[in-house]
Amino acid sequence: MGVRLLLARPLPGTVGESRRVTHVFPEPESVPGRLDAYCGASFGVGELELLDGIRGMPCEPCLLLAPPPGGRLDGGAGDG
């Protein structure tokens, strides 16, 4: 089984609208103080909205750098 991924984007008001892109994160084993996206962007608690798929514009560097688990970018969100 590959790395499980999370998809999230900054909440409205935390960054400008043009920077509210969907980032890809490796799922942490415990609740971290910060989440670091594959592109290097780092977010603290309360700065992100978790998504069940890519919404709006994706972060292109995240898409290029993230490993596709089982060939799926959503990490299996919605399965089960």
N, C-alpha and C. Protein backbone atom coordinates (compact mmCIF):
# COMPACT_ATOMS: atom_id res chain seq x y z
N MET A 1 0.85 -1.19 0.00
CA MET A 1 0.00 0.00 0.00
C MET A 1 0.88 1.24 0.00
N GLY A 2 0.52 2.25 -0.79
CA GLY A 2 1.29 3.47 -0.90
C GLY A 2 1.00 4.43 0.23
N VAL A 3 1.57 5.60 0.11
CA VAL A 3 1.35 6.67 1.08
C VAL A 3 -0.08 7.17 0.96
N ARG A 4 -0.75 7.32 2.08
CA ARG A 4 -2.10 7.88 2.09
C ARG A 4 -1.97 9.40 2.05
N LEU A 5 -2.75 10.03 1.19
CA LEU A 5 -2.65 11.47 0.99
C LEU A 5 -3.87 12.21 1.52
N LEU A 6 -3.63 13.44 1.93
CA LEU A 6 -4.69 14.37 2.30
C LEU A 6 -4.69 15.49 1.27
N LEU A 7 -5.87 15.98 0.95
CA LEU A 7 -6.02 17.14 0.08
C LEU A 7 -6.66 18.24 0.90
N ALA A 8 -6.09 19.43 0.82
CA ALA A 8 -6.61 20.56 1.59
C ALA A 8 -6.21 21.85 0.91
N ARG A 9 -6.98 22.89 1.22
CA ARG A 9 -6.62 24.22 0.72
C ARG A 9 -6.79 25.21 1.86
N PRO A 10 -6.08 26.34 1.78
CA PRO A 10 -6.19 27.34 2.82
C PRO A 10 -7.64 27.84 2.94
N LEU A 11 -8.04 28.10 4.17
CA LEU A 11 -9.38 28.64 4.42
C LEU A 11 -9.50 30.05 3.85
N PRO A 12 -10.71 30.47 3.48
CA PRO A 12 -10.90 31.85 3.02
C PRO A 12 -10.40 32.83 4.07
N GLY A 13 -9.71 33.85 3.62
CA GLY A 13 -9.20 34.88 4.52
C GLY A 13 -7.81 34.61 5.06
N THR A 14 -7.30 33.37 4.92
CA THR A 14 -5.95 33.08 5.41
C THR A 14 -4.88 33.44 4.39
N VAL A 15 -5.25 33.38 3.11
CA VAL A 15 -4.38 33.80 2.01
C VAL A 15 -5.27 34.47 0.96
N GLY A 16 -4.68 35.13 -0.01
CA GLY A 16 -5.46 35.72 -1.10
C GLY A 16 -6.14 34.62 -1.92
N GLU A 17 -7.25 34.94 -2.56
CA GLU A 17 -8.02 33.95 -3.32
C GLU A 17 -7.18 33.21 -4.36
N SER A 18 -6.25 33.92 -5.00
CA SER A 18 -5.44 33.26 -6.03
C SER A 18 -4.49 32.23 -5.44
N ARG A 19 -4.26 32.26 -4.13
CA ARG A 19 -3.36 31.31 -3.47
C ARG A 19 -4.13 30.20 -2.76
N ARG A 20 -5.45 30.16 -2.89
CA ARG A 20 -6.27 29.10 -2.28
C ARG A 20 -6.31 27.88 -3.18
N VAL A 21 -5.15 27.31 -3.43
CA VAL A 21 -5.06 26.13 -4.29
C VAL A 21 -5.12 24.87 -3.43
N THR A 22 -5.47 23.76 -4.06
CA THR A 22 -5.53 22.49 -3.37
C THR A 22 -4.13 21.90 -3.29
N HIS A 23 -3.65 21.73 -2.05
CA HIS A 23 -2.33 21.15 -1.80
C HIS A 23 -2.48 19.68 -1.45
N VAL A 24 -1.39 18.94 -1.62
CA VAL A 24 -1.35 17.52 -1.31
C VAL A 24 -0.38 17.32 -0.14
N PHE A 25 -0.83 16.56 0.87
CA PHE A 25 -0.05 16.32 2.08
C PHE A 25 0.02 14.82 2.35
N PRO A 26 1.16 14.34 2.86
CA PRO A 26 1.16 12.95 3.33
C PRO A 26 0.35 12.91 4.63
N GLU A 27 -0.46 11.87 4.81
CA GLU A 27 -1.27 11.78 6.02
C GLU A 27 -0.34 11.53 7.21
N PRO A 28 -0.40 12.39 8.23
CA PRO A 28 0.46 12.19 9.40
C PRO A 28 -0.04 11.04 10.26
N GLU A 29 0.86 10.44 11.04
CA GLU A 29 0.49 9.35 11.94
C GLU A 29 -0.20 9.86 13.20
N SER A 30 0.07 11.11 13.57
CA SER A 30 -0.57 11.72 14.73
C SER A 30 -0.95 13.15 14.36
N VAL A 31 -1.64 13.83 15.24
CA VAL A 31 -2.07 15.21 14.96
C VAL A 31 -0.86 16.14 15.12
N PRO A 32 -0.41 16.72 14.00
CA PRO A 32 0.77 17.60 14.06
C PRO A 32 0.36 19.05 14.34
N GLY A 33 1.34 19.86 14.74
CA GLY A 33 1.11 21.29 14.92
C GLY A 33 1.05 22.00 13.57
N ARG A 34 1.75 21.43 12.59
CA ARG A 34 1.77 21.99 11.24
C ARG A 34 1.72 20.85 10.24
N LEU A 35 1.15 21.15 9.08
CA LEU A 35 1.16 20.20 7.96
C LEU A 35 2.01 20.80 6.85
N ASP A 36 2.91 19.99 6.31
CA ASP A 36 3.78 20.44 5.22
C ASP A 36 3.36 19.74 3.94
N ALA A 37 3.00 20.55 2.94
CA ALA A 37 2.60 20.02 1.64
C ALA A 37 3.83 19.56 0.87
N TYR A 38 3.61 18.74 -0.14
CA TYR A 38 4.72 18.27 -0.97
C TYR A 38 5.47 19.41 -1.64
N CYS A 39 4.80 20.53 -1.90
CA CYS A 39 5.45 21.67 -2.54
C CYS A 39 6.31 22.47 -1.58
N GLY A 40 6.20 22.19 -0.26
CA GLY A 40 6.97 22.92 0.73
C GLY A 40 6.16 23.92 1.53
N ALA A 41 4.93 24.21 1.10
CA ALA A 41 4.07 25.13 1.86
C ALA A 41 3.72 24.48 3.19
N SER A 42 3.70 25.28 4.25
CA SER A 42 3.44 24.78 5.60
C SER A 42 2.26 25.54 6.19
N PHE A 43 1.37 24.79 6.86
CA PHE A 43 0.15 25.38 7.41
C PHE A 43 -0.04 24.94 8.85
N GLY A 44 -0.54 25.85 9.67
CA GLY A 44 -0.81 25.55 11.07
C GLY A 44 -2.25 25.13 11.29
N VAL A 45 -2.54 24.79 12.53
CA VAL A 45 -3.88 24.37 12.93
C VAL A 45 -4.88 25.49 12.61
N GLY A 46 -6.01 25.12 12.02
CA GLY A 46 -7.06 26.08 11.72
C GLY A 46 -6.85 26.89 10.46
N GLU A 47 -5.84 26.56 9.65
CA GLU A 47 -5.58 27.30 8.42
C GLU A 47 -6.05 26.57 7.17
N LEU A 48 -6.47 25.30 7.31
CA LEU A 48 -6.82 24.49 6.14
C LEU A 48 -8.23 23.95 6.19
N GLU A 49 -8.80 23.76 5.01
CA GLU A 49 -10.07 23.05 4.87
C GLU A 49 -9.74 21.74 4.17
N LEU A 50 -10.04 20.61 4.84
CA LEU A 50 -9.80 19.30 4.25
C LEU A 50 -10.82 19.05 3.16
N LEU A 51 -10.39 18.42 2.09
CA LEU A 51 -11.24 18.18 0.93
C LEU A 51 -11.32 16.69 0.62
N ASP A 52 -12.40 16.29 -0.05
CA ASP A 52 -12.52 14.89 -0.46
C ASP A 52 -12.07 14.69 -1.90
N GLY A 53 -11.55 15.74 -2.51
CA GLY A 53 -11.03 15.70 -3.87
C GLY A 53 -10.49 17.08 -4.21
N ILE A 54 -9.89 17.20 -5.36
CA ILE A 54 -9.34 18.50 -5.76
C ILE A 54 -10.49 19.45 -6.05
N ARG A 55 -10.45 20.60 -5.44
CA ARG A 55 -11.46 21.64 -5.64
C ARG A 55 -10.74 22.90 -6.12
N GLY A 56 -11.30 23.54 -7.11
CA GLY A 56 -10.65 24.73 -7.63
C GLY A 56 -9.34 24.36 -8.31
N MET A 57 -8.38 25.23 -8.19
CA MET A 57 -7.09 25.06 -8.84
C MET A 57 -6.18 24.18 -7.99
N PRO A 58 -5.55 23.17 -8.57
CA PRO A 58 -4.59 22.36 -7.80
C PRO A 58 -3.24 23.06 -7.72
N CYS A 59 -2.47 22.73 -6.71
CA CYS A 59 -1.09 23.18 -6.60
C CYS A 59 -0.27 22.28 -7.53
N GLU A 60 0.21 22.83 -8.62
CA GLU A 60 0.92 22.02 -9.60
C GLU A 60 2.19 21.37 -9.04
N PRO A 61 3.01 22.09 -8.25
CA PRO A 61 4.18 21.41 -7.68
C PRO A 61 3.80 20.22 -6.79
N CYS A 62 2.71 20.35 -6.02
CA CYS A 62 2.26 19.22 -5.19
C CYS A 62 1.89 18.03 -6.07
N LEU A 63 1.18 18.29 -7.15
CA LEU A 63 0.78 17.19 -8.03
C LEU A 63 1.99 16.49 -8.65
N LEU A 64 3.02 17.27 -8.96
CA LEU A 64 4.23 16.69 -9.56
C LEU A 64 5.06 15.90 -8.54
N LEU A 65 5.06 16.34 -7.29
CA LEU A 65 5.93 15.74 -6.28
C LEU A 65 5.28 14.65 -5.44
N ALA A 66 3.96 14.63 -5.37
CA ALA A 66 3.26 13.65 -4.52
C ALA A 66 3.26 12.27 -5.18
N PRO A 67 3.50 11.24 -4.38
CA PRO A 67 3.43 9.88 -4.94
C PRO A 67 1.96 9.47 -5.08
N PRO A 68 1.55 8.99 -6.24
CA PRO A 68 0.15 8.56 -6.38
C PRO A 68 -0.06 7.19 -5.74
N PRO A 69 -0.83 7.12 -4.64
CA PRO A 69 -1.06 5.82 -4.01
C PRO A 69 -2.02 5.00 -4.85
N GLY A 70 -1.57 3.91 -5.34
CA GLY A 70 -2.43 3.07 -6.16
C GLY A 70 -2.91 3.78 -7.41
N GLY A 71 -2.16 4.81 -7.84
CA GLY A 71 -2.55 5.55 -9.03
C GLY A 71 -3.69 6.54 -8.84
N ARG A 72 -4.04 6.82 -7.57
CA ARG A 72 -5.17 7.73 -7.28
C ARG A 72 -4.67 8.93 -6.50
N LEU A 73 -5.02 10.13 -6.94
CA LEU A 73 -4.60 11.33 -6.25
C LEU A 73 -5.42 11.63 -5.00
N ASP A 74 -6.59 10.99 -4.85
CA ASP A 74 -7.41 11.30 -3.68
C ASP A 74 -7.10 10.38 -2.50
N GLY A 75 -6.16 9.48 -2.65
CA GLY A 75 -5.79 8.59 -1.57
C GLY A 75 -6.89 7.64 -1.15
N GLY A 76 -7.90 7.47 -2.00
CA GLY A 76 -9.01 6.58 -1.67
C GLY A 76 -10.12 7.26 -0.91
N ALA A 77 -10.13 8.60 -0.88
CA ALA A 77 -11.20 9.32 -0.17
C ALA A 77 -12.54 8.89 -0.72
N GLY A 78 -13.45 8.62 0.18
CA GLY A 78 -14.78 8.22 -0.22
C GLY A 78 -14.96 6.73 -0.37
N ASP A 79 -13.85 5.97 -0.31
CA ASP A 79 -13.96 4.51 -0.39
C ASP A 79 -14.50 3.97 0.93
N GLY A 80 -15.19 2.89 0.86
CA GLY A 80 -15.54 2.19 2.07
C GLY A 80 -16.90 2.39 2.49
